[in-house]
Structures are given as structure tokens and as C-alpha cells.
Amino acid sequence: MIDNSITDDWKQWMNRNYIPTMKDLVKELRVELYEVMAVVQEGNTNYSCQMQCTKPEDIDTVNKYNAILVDNIKGKFGDKCLTFSSILNELKLG
């Protein structure tokens, strides 16, 4: 959840720091950034950064450096940027 007052700065940080760093660390990482189109707290916008690994061991690298980068963004934007992460496993149906 990003405070609308920092949206442009946050997007620049994502494009210049977070995404390139993750792609440098995990060469085959696929990264996509989405705006969440659900009702959110007024004055904020929710975003989802989806990363797809091709090898299970890359998850450890993503988790380790995600924690470092999230600390960095908290130092930069404080409580105007709230984050959480989760690990998903795709289910093959049918």
C-alpha cells in the first residue's frame, strides 16, 4: 500500500533499484508490477510485484534480498509504504 503522495518516487525506486537488483541476483527471474484494482484506503494505492522463479533455490535468494530492499524502502518512505510478501506455488489443475 503506497501513499499517493509518494507514488511517483516509489515507482522510480522500483524501476531503478528493486527490480534491477532482483533481476541481477536471479538471472531468470520474471518480474511484473500490477496496480491492485480493489477498494483501498483513501489516499493510497495498492500494488503487487509478482516475481516468478524458474528454480526453487532462487526463492531463498529472493527472500534474503527482498528483506534487505524492504528495509531500504522503509528507510526512504517510512510508514507511507506498507509491504508484505508471500510465496505462492502454482497449482496445475485438470
N, C-alpha and C. Protein backbone atom coordinates (compact mmCIF):
# COMPACT_ATOMS: atom_id res chain seq x y z
N MET A 1 0.86 -1.16 0.00
CA MET A 1 0.00 0.00 0.00
C MET A 1 0.90 1.22 0.00
N ILE A 2 0.73 2.06 -1.01
CA ILE A 2 1.59 3.22 -1.19
C ILE A 2 0.75 4.49 -1.06
N ASP A 3 1.21 5.40 -0.21
CA ASP A 3 0.57 6.70 -0.07
C ASP A 3 0.68 7.41 -1.42
N ASN A 4 -0.44 7.95 -1.90
CA ASN A 4 -0.45 8.59 -3.21
C ASN A 4 0.55 9.75 -3.33
N SER A 5 0.93 10.33 -2.22
CA SER A 5 1.88 11.46 -2.26
C SER A 5 3.29 11.02 -2.66
N ILE A 6 3.59 9.73 -2.57
CA ILE A 6 4.94 9.25 -2.93
C ILE A 6 4.93 8.29 -4.11
N THR A 7 3.80 8.14 -4.77
CA THR A 7 3.68 7.15 -5.84
C THR A 7 4.76 7.29 -6.90
N ASP A 8 4.99 8.48 -7.42
CA ASP A 8 5.99 8.66 -8.47
C ASP A 8 7.39 8.29 -7.98
N ASP A 9 7.75 8.73 -6.78
CA ASP A 9 9.07 8.39 -6.21
C ASP A 9 9.19 6.89 -5.99
N TRP A 10 8.13 6.27 -5.51
CA TRP A 10 8.14 4.82 -5.26
C TRP A 10 8.33 4.06 -6.57
N LYS A 11 7.60 4.45 -7.60
CA LYS A 11 7.73 3.77 -8.90
C LYS A 11 9.16 3.92 -9.45
N GLN A 12 9.74 5.10 -9.30
CA GLN A 12 11.12 5.30 -9.73
C GLN A 12 12.06 4.39 -8.96
N TRP A 13 11.85 4.29 -7.63
CA TRP A 13 12.68 3.42 -6.80
C TRP A 13 12.54 1.96 -7.25
N MET A 14 11.33 1.54 -7.54
CA MET A 14 11.11 0.16 -8.00
C MET A 14 11.85 -0.08 -9.32
N ASN A 15 11.74 0.87 -10.26
CA ASN A 15 12.34 0.71 -11.59
C ASN A 15 13.86 0.85 -11.58
N ARG A 16 14.39 1.65 -10.69
CA ARG A 16 15.84 1.90 -10.67
C ARG A 16 16.60 1.03 -9.68
N ASN A 17 15.91 0.57 -8.64
CA ASN A 17 16.60 -0.16 -7.57
C ASN A 17 16.10 -1.59 -7.39
N TYR A 18 14.85 -1.72 -6.98
CA TYR A 18 14.33 -3.02 -6.58
C TYR A 18 14.36 -4.04 -7.72
N ILE A 19 13.69 -3.72 -8.82
CA ILE A 19 13.57 -4.68 -9.91
C ILE A 19 14.93 -5.01 -10.54
N PRO A 20 15.77 -4.01 -10.87
CA PRO A 20 17.09 -4.37 -11.43
C PRO A 20 17.96 -5.20 -10.47
N THR A 21 17.90 -4.89 -9.18
CA THR A 21 18.68 -5.66 -8.21
C THR A 21 18.22 -7.11 -8.19
N MET A 22 16.92 -7.32 -8.13
CA MET A 22 16.41 -8.70 -8.11
C MET A 22 16.77 -9.45 -9.39
N LYS A 23 16.66 -8.78 -10.54
CA LYS A 23 17.00 -9.43 -11.80
C LYS A 23 18.49 -9.72 -11.92
N ASP A 24 19.34 -8.88 -11.32
CA ASP A 24 20.78 -9.15 -11.31
C ASP A 24 21.11 -10.35 -10.44
N LEU A 25 20.39 -10.51 -9.34
CA LEU A 25 20.65 -11.60 -8.41
C LEU A 25 20.14 -12.95 -8.91
N VAL A 26 18.99 -12.92 -9.56
CA VAL A 26 18.37 -14.14 -10.07
C VAL A 26 18.16 -13.94 -11.57
N LYS A 27 19.06 -14.49 -12.35
CA LYS A 27 19.12 -14.19 -13.79
C LYS A 27 17.84 -14.52 -14.55
N GLU A 28 17.16 -15.58 -14.20
CA GLU A 28 15.96 -15.98 -14.94
C GLU A 28 14.67 -15.51 -14.25
N LEU A 29 14.77 -14.53 -13.39
CA LEU A 29 13.61 -14.04 -12.65
C LEU A 29 12.70 -13.24 -13.57
N ARG A 30 11.43 -13.53 -13.48
CA ARG A 30 10.42 -12.76 -14.21
C ARG A 30 9.73 -11.85 -13.20
N VAL A 31 9.70 -10.55 -13.47
CA VAL A 31 9.12 -9.58 -12.55
C VAL A 31 8.04 -8.79 -13.27
N GLU A 32 6.88 -8.69 -12.63
CA GLU A 32 5.77 -7.91 -13.15
C GLU A 32 5.19 -7.07 -12.02
N LEU A 33 4.81 -5.84 -12.34
CA LEU A 33 4.25 -4.93 -11.35
C LEU A 33 2.82 -4.60 -11.75
N TYR A 34 1.90 -4.74 -10.80
CA TYR A 34 0.48 -4.51 -11.06
C TYR A 34 -0.09 -3.51 -10.07
N GLU A 35 -1.08 -2.75 -10.52
CA GLU A 35 -1.91 -1.97 -9.60
C GLU A 35 -3.08 -2.87 -9.21
N VAL A 36 -3.35 -2.98 -7.92
CA VAL A 36 -4.45 -3.80 -7.44
C VAL A 36 -5.74 -2.99 -7.59
N MET A 37 -6.68 -3.55 -8.31
CA MET A 37 -7.91 -2.84 -8.64
C MET A 37 -9.05 -3.20 -7.67
N ALA A 38 -8.78 -3.03 -6.42
CA ALA A 38 -9.78 -3.30 -5.37
C ALA A 38 -9.94 -2.05 -4.53
N VAL A 39 -10.97 -2.03 -3.73
CA VAL A 39 -11.19 -0.89 -2.83
C VAL A 39 -10.04 -0.83 -1.84
N VAL A 40 -9.46 0.35 -1.72
CA VAL A 40 -8.33 0.53 -0.81
C VAL A 40 -8.60 1.72 0.10
N GLN A 41 -7.76 1.88 1.07
CA GLN A 41 -7.86 3.01 1.99
C GLN A 41 -7.67 4.30 1.20
N GLU A 42 -8.54 5.28 1.44
CA GLU A 42 -8.47 6.55 0.72
C GLU A 42 -7.09 7.18 0.85
N GLY A 43 -6.58 7.70 -0.26
CA GLY A 43 -5.28 8.34 -0.27
C GLY A 43 -4.13 7.39 -0.54
N ASN A 44 -4.44 6.12 -0.78
CA ASN A 44 -3.42 5.11 -1.03
C ASN A 44 -3.77 4.31 -2.27
N THR A 45 -2.76 3.67 -2.84
CA THR A 45 -2.95 2.74 -3.94
C THR A 45 -2.19 1.47 -3.60
N ASN A 46 -2.79 0.35 -3.90
CA ASN A 46 -2.13 -0.94 -3.66
C ASN A 46 -1.49 -1.43 -4.94
N TYR A 47 -0.29 -1.98 -4.80
CA TYR A 47 0.44 -2.55 -5.92
C TYR A 47 0.86 -3.96 -5.55
N SER A 48 1.06 -4.77 -6.57
CA SER A 48 1.56 -6.12 -6.37
C SER A 48 2.73 -6.34 -7.31
N CYS A 49 3.87 -6.66 -6.73
CA CYS A 49 5.06 -7.00 -7.50
C CYS A 49 5.16 -8.52 -7.49
N GLN A 50 4.97 -9.13 -8.65
CA GLN A 50 4.97 -10.58 -8.78
C GLN A 50 6.31 -11.02 -9.38
N MET A 51 6.98 -11.95 -8.70
CA MET A 51 8.24 -12.48 -9.20
C MET A 51 8.09 -13.98 -9.38
N GLN A 52 8.54 -14.46 -10.53
CA GLN A 52 8.44 -15.88 -10.82
C GLN A 52 9.83 -16.45 -11.01
N CYS A 53 10.15 -17.44 -10.18
CA CYS A 53 11.45 -18.12 -10.25
C CYS A 53 11.32 -19.39 -11.08
N THR A 54 12.40 -19.74 -11.76
CA THR A 54 12.40 -20.99 -12.51
C THR A 54 12.99 -22.14 -11.70
N LYS A 55 13.77 -21.81 -10.66
CA LYS A 55 14.39 -22.84 -9.82
C LYS A 55 13.99 -22.60 -8.36
N PRO A 56 13.60 -23.64 -7.65
CA PRO A 56 13.19 -23.46 -6.24
C PRO A 56 14.26 -22.81 -5.37
N GLU A 57 15.53 -23.06 -5.63
CA GLU A 57 16.60 -22.48 -4.80
C GLU A 57 16.69 -20.96 -4.96
N ASP A 58 16.14 -20.43 -6.04
CA ASP A 58 16.14 -18.97 -6.22
C ASP A 58 15.23 -18.27 -5.23
N ILE A 59 14.27 -18.99 -4.68
CA ILE A 59 13.36 -18.40 -3.70
C ILE A 59 14.14 -17.90 -2.49
N ASP A 60 15.15 -18.65 -2.04
CA ASP A 60 15.97 -18.23 -0.90
C ASP A 60 16.68 -16.91 -1.19
N THR A 61 17.21 -16.77 -2.40
CA THR A 61 17.89 -15.53 -2.79
C THR A 61 16.91 -14.37 -2.81
N VAL A 62 15.74 -14.60 -3.42
CA VAL A 62 14.72 -13.55 -3.48
C VAL A 62 14.32 -13.13 -2.07
N ASN A 63 14.06 -14.09 -1.19
CA ASN A 63 13.65 -13.77 0.18
C ASN A 63 14.72 -12.99 0.93
N LYS A 64 15.97 -13.41 0.81
CA LYS A 64 17.07 -12.75 1.52
C LYS A 64 17.20 -11.29 1.08
N TYR A 65 17.25 -11.06 -0.20
CA TYR A 65 17.47 -9.70 -0.69
C TYR A 65 16.21 -8.86 -0.67
N ASN A 66 15.05 -9.49 -0.73
CA ASN A 66 13.80 -8.75 -0.57
C ASN A 66 13.77 -8.10 0.81
N ALA A 67 14.18 -8.83 1.82
CA ALA A 67 14.18 -8.28 3.19
C ALA A 67 15.10 -7.06 3.29
N ILE A 68 16.26 -7.14 2.64
CA ILE A 68 17.20 -6.02 2.66
C ILE A 68 16.62 -4.82 1.92
N LEU A 69 16.05 -5.05 0.75
CA LEU A 69 15.48 -3.96 -0.05
C LEU A 69 14.26 -3.35 0.62
N VAL A 70 13.45 -4.17 1.28
CA VAL A 70 12.28 -3.65 2.00
C VAL A 70 12.74 -2.76 3.16
N ASP A 71 13.80 -3.14 3.85
CA ASP A 71 14.35 -2.27 4.90
C ASP A 71 14.80 -0.94 4.30
N ASN A 72 15.40 -1.00 3.12
CA ASN A 72 15.86 0.20 2.43
C ASN A 72 14.68 1.11 2.08
N ILE A 73 13.62 0.55 1.57
CA ILE A 73 12.46 1.36 1.18
C ILE A 73 11.75 1.92 2.41
N LYS A 74 11.75 1.18 3.50
CA LYS A 74 11.15 1.69 4.75
C LYS A 74 11.94 2.90 5.25
N GLY A 75 13.26 2.85 5.11
CA GLY A 75 14.09 3.99 5.50
C GLY A 75 13.83 5.20 4.63
N LYS A 76 13.51 4.97 3.38
CA LYS A 76 13.28 6.06 2.44
C LYS A 76 11.88 6.66 2.58
N PHE A 77 10.85 5.81 2.71
CA PHE A 77 9.47 6.27 2.69
C PHE A 77 8.71 6.12 4.01
N GLY A 78 9.30 5.46 4.97
CA GLY A 78 8.66 5.31 6.28
C GLY A 78 7.30 4.62 6.20
N ASP A 79 6.33 5.14 6.94
CA ASP A 79 5.02 4.50 7.00
C ASP A 79 4.11 4.86 5.82
N LYS A 80 4.65 5.55 4.83
CA LYS A 80 3.88 5.84 3.62
C LYS A 80 3.94 4.67 2.64
N CYS A 81 4.69 3.65 2.99
CA CYS A 81 4.85 2.47 2.15
C CYS A 81 4.75 1.23 3.05
N LEU A 82 3.66 0.51 2.94
CA LEU A 82 3.46 -0.69 3.73
C LEU A 82 3.61 -1.91 2.82
N THR A 83 4.38 -2.88 3.27
CA THR A 83 4.67 -4.04 2.43
C THR A 83 4.39 -5.35 3.16
N PHE A 84 4.18 -6.38 2.37
CA PHE A 84 4.17 -7.75 2.87
C PHE A 84 4.56 -8.64 1.70
N SER A 85 4.99 -9.83 2.01
CA SER A 85 5.33 -10.76 0.93
C SER A 85 4.79 -12.14 1.26
N SER A 86 4.62 -12.92 0.22
CA SER A 86 4.19 -14.30 0.38
C SER A 86 4.78 -15.12 -0.76
N ILE A 87 4.90 -16.40 -0.53
CA ILE A 87 5.42 -17.32 -1.55
C ILE A 87 4.24 -18.14 -2.04
N LEU A 88 4.08 -18.19 -3.36
CA LEU A 88 2.99 -18.93 -3.97
C LEU A 88 3.54 -20.10 -4.76
N ASN A 89 2.77 -21.16 -4.79
CA ASN A 89 3.11 -22.33 -5.60
C ASN A 89 1.95 -22.53 -6.57
N GLU A 90 2.25 -22.47 -7.87
CA GLU A 90 1.19 -22.62 -8.88
C GLU A 90 0.63 -24.03 -8.85
N LEU A 91 -0.68 -24.11 -8.86
CA LEU A 91 -1.37 -25.40 -8.91
C LEU A 91 -1.77 -25.70 -10.34
N LYS A 92 -1.43 -26.86 -10.80
CA LYS A 92 -1.82 -27.30 -12.14
C LYS A 92 -3.13 -28.05 -12.01
N LEU A 93 -4.18 -27.50 -12.59
CA LEU A 93 -5.50 -28.12 -12.49
C LEU A 93 -5.84 -28.84 -13.80
N GLY A 94 -6.53 -29.96 -13.64
CA GLY A 94 -7.01 -30.67 -14.83
C GLY A 94 -5.98 -31.55 -15.36
